[in-house]
Amino acid sequence: MSKKVKLYGIKNCDTVRKSIKWLADKQIDSEFFDLKKEELSTEQIIEWLNDVEQDKLINRRGLTWRKIPTEDKLLDNQSAVIALIQNNPTVIKRPIVHNGIHWSVGFKPEDWDQLFL
C-alpha cells in the first residue's frame, strides 16, 4: 500500500502495540496519533462516525466508560457523542485505523489482511 496508514490509539495499550507491530511486520508505513496527547477535532470525529457505527466506536466495557457520569452517557445525538469523545478520548475502542479509503476499529489480523494487503 502506497499511502501511509493513520492509526489512533494509546501507546501503552496492548492491542495498539500488536497492531503497530503487525503493520511494521507487513512493511506498511503508518502514522501514530496518541489519543492522550492529540486533541481530536469535531471534523475528525464526524469522519469516524460517517464510516463506523457509534456502538462500534465507543468502548462501553472499559474503565474510562465506567468513570463517566451517567448524564454524560446519554448519547442520543451526534453532538453528545462528539462531546463525550473530546472530553474522554480514551473511551474509544482501539486502535482506529484509516487505510486511505475506510476507517476500521479494533485489531483482528484476519480482517487487516483484507483491509491492508
C-alpha atoms as a PDB file:
ATOM      1  CA  MET A   1       0.000   0.000   0.000  1.00  0.00           C
ATOM      2  CA  SER A   2       1.487   3.295  -1.011  1.00  0.00           C
ATOM      3  CA  LYS A   3      -0.485   5.543   1.315  1.00  0.00           C
ATOM      4  CA  LYS A   4       0.517   5.965   4.909  1.00  0.00           C
ATOM      5  CA  VAL A   5      -1.912   4.322   7.338  1.00  0.00           C
ATOM      6  CA  LYS A   6      -3.245   6.561  10.094  1.00  0.00           C
ATOM      7  CA  LEU A   7      -3.508   4.817  13.452  1.00  0.00           C
ATOM      8  CA  TYR A   8      -5.160   6.324  16.544  1.00  0.00           C
ATOM      9  CA  GLY A   9      -4.607   4.723  19.925  1.00  0.00           C
ATOM     10  CA  ILE A  10      -2.709   4.775  23.188  1.00  0.00           C
ATOM     11  CA  LYS A  11       0.941   3.741  23.336  1.00  0.00           C
ATOM     12  CA  ASN A  12       0.552   1.554  26.434  1.00  0.00           C
ATOM     13  CA  CYS A  13      -2.456  -0.375  25.032  1.00  0.00           C
ATOM     14  CA  ASP A  14      -1.510  -3.998  24.227  1.00  0.00           C
ATOM     15  CA  THR A  15      -3.843  -4.139  21.231  1.00  0.00           C
ATOM     16  CA  VAL A  16      -2.375  -0.942  19.798  1.00  0.00           C
ATOM     17  CA  ARG A  17       1.152  -2.286  20.260  1.00  0.00           C
ATOM     18  CA  LYS A  18       0.177  -5.520  18.468  1.00  0.00           C
ATOM     19  CA  SER A  19      -1.342  -3.551  15.605  1.00  0.00           C
ATOM     20  CA  ILE A  20       1.758  -1.345  15.244  1.00  0.00           C
ATOM     21  CA  LYS A  21       3.937  -4.464  15.172  1.00  0.00           C
ATOM     22  CA  TRP A  22       1.638  -6.088  12.593  1.00  0.00           C
ATOM     23  CA  LEU A  23       1.903  -3.039  10.323  1.00  0.00           C
ATOM     24  CA  ALA A  24       5.696  -2.958  10.716  1.00  0.00           C
ATOM     25  CA  ASP A  25       5.975  -6.702  10.002  1.00  0.00           C
ATOM     26  CA  LYS A  26       3.955  -6.204   6.800  1.00  0.00           C
ATOM     27  CA  GLN A  27       6.119  -3.182   5.922  1.00  0.00           C
ATOM     28  CA  ILE A  28       3.126  -0.862   5.922  1.00  0.00           C
ATOM     29  CA  ASP A  29       4.057   2.736   6.662  1.00  0.00           C
ATOM     30  CA  SER A  30       1.963   4.163   9.497  1.00  0.00           C
ATOM     31  CA  GLU A  31       1.495   7.427  11.320  1.00  0.00           C
ATOM     32  CA  PHE A  32       0.541   7.119  15.009  1.00  0.00           C
ATOM     33  CA  PHE A  33      -1.732   9.559  16.824  1.00  0.00           C
ATOM     34  CA  ASP A  34      -1.761   9.236  20.608  1.00  0.00           C
ATOM     35  CA  LEU A  35      -5.277   9.802  21.930  1.00  0.00           C
ATOM     36  CA  LYS A  36      -3.839  11.023  25.230  1.00  0.00           C
ATOM     37  CA  LYS A  37      -1.763  13.722  23.524  1.00  0.00           C
ATOM     38  CA  GLU A  38      -3.637  14.669  20.343  1.00  0.00           C
ATOM     39  CA  GLU A  39      -6.697  16.882  20.565  1.00  0.00           C
ATOM     40  CA  LEU A  40      -9.458  15.393  18.424  1.00  0.00           C
ATOM     41  CA  SER A  41     -11.317  17.832  16.218  1.00  0.00           C
ATOM     42  CA  THR A  42     -15.052  17.734  15.694  1.00  0.00           C
ATOM     43  CA  GLU A  43     -14.388  17.106  11.996  1.00  0.00           C
ATOM     44  CA  GLN A  44     -12.207  14.080  12.781  1.00  0.00           C
ATOM     45  CA  ILE A  45     -14.847  12.500  14.995  1.00  0.00           C
ATOM     46  CA  ILE A  46     -17.587  13.161  12.419  1.00  0.00           C
ATOM     47  CA  GLU A  47     -15.416  11.463   9.791  1.00  0.00           C
ATOM     48  CA  TRP A  48     -15.160   8.398  12.044  1.00  0.00           C
ATOM     49  CA  LEU A  49     -18.909   8.407  12.703  1.00  0.00           C
ATOM     50  CA  ASN A  50     -19.611   8.574   8.969  1.00  0.00           C
ATOM     51  CA  ASP A  51     -17.693   5.313   8.442  1.00  0.00           C
ATOM     52  CA  VAL A  52     -18.029   3.497  11.783  1.00  0.00           C
ATOM     53  CA  GLU A  53     -21.158   2.832  13.822  1.00  0.00           C
ATOM     54  CA  GLN A  54     -21.274   4.691  17.124  1.00  0.00           C
ATOM     55  CA  ASP A  55     -21.711   1.431  19.065  1.00  0.00           C
ATOM     56  CA  LYS A  56     -18.554   0.055  17.491  1.00  0.00           C
ATOM     57  CA  LEU A  57     -16.592   3.244  18.191  1.00  0.00           C
ATOM     58  CA  ILE A  58     -17.407   3.676  21.896  1.00  0.00           C
ATOM     59  CA  ASN A  59     -15.927   1.155  24.343  1.00  0.00           C
ATOM     60  CA  ARG A  60     -18.673   0.610  26.909  1.00  0.00           C
ATOM     61  CA  ARG A  61     -16.703  -2.087  28.730  1.00  0.00           C
ATOM     62  CA  GLY A  62     -13.611  -0.091  29.602  1.00  0.00           C
ATOM     63  CA  LEU A  63     -12.527   1.744  32.717  1.00  0.00           C
ATOM     64  CA  THR A  64     -12.994   5.142  31.064  1.00  0.00           C
ATOM     65  CA  TRP A  65     -16.684   4.418  30.366  1.00  0.00           C
ATOM     66  CA  ARG A  66     -17.286   3.335  33.963  1.00  0.00           C
ATOM     67  CA  LYS A  67     -15.816   6.606  35.259  1.00  0.00           C
ATOM     68  CA  ILE A  68     -18.031   8.813  33.070  1.00  0.00           C
ATOM     69  CA  PRO A  69     -21.056  10.317  34.879  1.00  0.00           C
ATOM     70  CA  THR A  70     -24.391   8.767  33.886  1.00  0.00           C
ATOM     71  CA  GLU A  71     -25.743  12.002  32.419  1.00  0.00           C
ATOM     72  CA  ASP A  72     -22.768  12.154  30.013  1.00  0.00           C
ATOM     73  CA  LYS A  73     -23.524   8.635  28.758  1.00  0.00           C
ATOM     74  CA  LEU A  74     -26.792   9.711  27.123  1.00  0.00           C
ATOM     75  CA  LEU A  75     -25.663   9.586  23.510  1.00  0.00           C
ATOM     76  CA  ASP A  76     -28.932  10.465  21.806  1.00  0.00           C
ATOM     77  CA  ASN A  77     -27.414  12.782  19.181  1.00  0.00           C
ATOM     78  CA  GLN A  78     -24.164  13.330  17.323  1.00  0.00           C
ATOM     79  CA  SER A  79     -23.220  16.380  19.399  1.00  0.00           C
ATOM     80  CA  ALA A  80     -23.383  14.305  22.585  1.00  0.00           C
ATOM     81  CA  VAL A  81     -21.136  11.631  21.051  1.00  0.00           C
ATOM     82  CA  ILE A  82     -18.623  14.237  19.874  1.00  0.00           C
ATOM     83  CA  ALA A  83     -18.553  15.907  23.301  1.00  0.00           C
ATOM     84  CA  LEU A  84     -18.076  12.545  25.030  1.00  0.00           C
ATOM     85  CA  ILE A  85     -15.135  11.614  22.796  1.00  0.00           C
ATOM     86  CA  GLN A  86     -13.486  15.048  23.005  1.00  0.00           C
ATOM     87  CA  ASN A  87     -13.781  15.082  26.800  1.00  0.00           C
ATOM     88  CA  ASN A  88     -12.810  11.402  27.207  1.00  0.00           C
ATOM     89  CA  PRO A  89     -10.755  10.323  24.173  1.00  0.00           C
ATOM     90  CA  THR A  90      -9.753   7.027  25.783  1.00  0.00           C
ATOM     91  CA  VAL A  91     -13.406   5.904  25.666  1.00  0.00           C
ATOM     92  CA  ILE A  92     -12.770   4.976  22.021  1.00  0.00           C
ATOM     93  CA  LYS A  93     -12.175   1.355  21.098  1.00  0.00           C
ATOM     94  CA  ARG A  94      -8.642   0.986  19.875  1.00  0.00           C
ATOM     95  CA  PRO A  95      -6.976   1.161  17.533  1.00  0.00           C
ATOM     96  CA  ILE A  96      -8.780   3.231  14.947  1.00  0.00           C
ATOM     97  CA  VAL A  97      -7.048   2.998  11.584  1.00  0.00           C
ATOM     98  CA  HIS A  98      -7.509   4.508   8.158  1.00  0.00           C
ATOM     99  CA  ASN A  99      -6.215   2.684   5.106  1.00  0.00           C
ATOM    100  CA  GLY A 100      -6.678   5.670   2.819  1.00  0.00           C
ATOM    101  CA  ILE A 101     -10.266   4.679   1.988  1.00  0.00           C
ATOM    102  CA  HIS A 102     -12.012   3.248   5.071  1.00  0.00           C
ATOM    103  CA  TRP A 103     -11.831   3.536   8.854  1.00  0.00           C
ATOM    104  CA  SER A 104     -11.577   0.392  10.953  1.00  0.00           C
ATOM    105  CA  VAL A 105     -11.869  -0.107  14.712  1.00  0.00           C
ATOM    106  CA  GLY A 106     -10.050  -2.797  16.657  1.00  0.00           C
ATOM    107  CA  PHE A 107      -7.332  -5.204  15.626  1.00  0.00           C
ATOM    108  CA  LYS A 108      -8.046  -8.586  14.090  1.00  0.00           C
ATOM    109  CA  PRO A 109      -5.198  -9.809  11.889  1.00  0.00           C
ATOM    110  CA  GLU A 110      -7.544 -11.696   9.551  1.00  0.00           C
ATOM    111  CA  ASP A 111      -9.604  -8.531   8.958  1.00  0.00           C
ATOM    112  CA  TRP A 112      -6.492  -6.428   8.497  1.00  0.00           C
ATOM    113  CA  ASP A 113      -5.210  -8.853   5.848  1.00  0.00           C
ATOM    114  CA  GLN A 114      -8.231  -7.858   3.724  1.00  0.00           C
ATOM    115  CA  LEU A 115      -8.076  -4.186   4.696  1.00  0.00           C
ATOM    116  CA  PHE A 116      -4.392  -3.566   4.024  1.00  0.00           C
ATOM    117  CA  LEU A 117      -2.977  -6.345   1.822  1.00  0.00           C
END
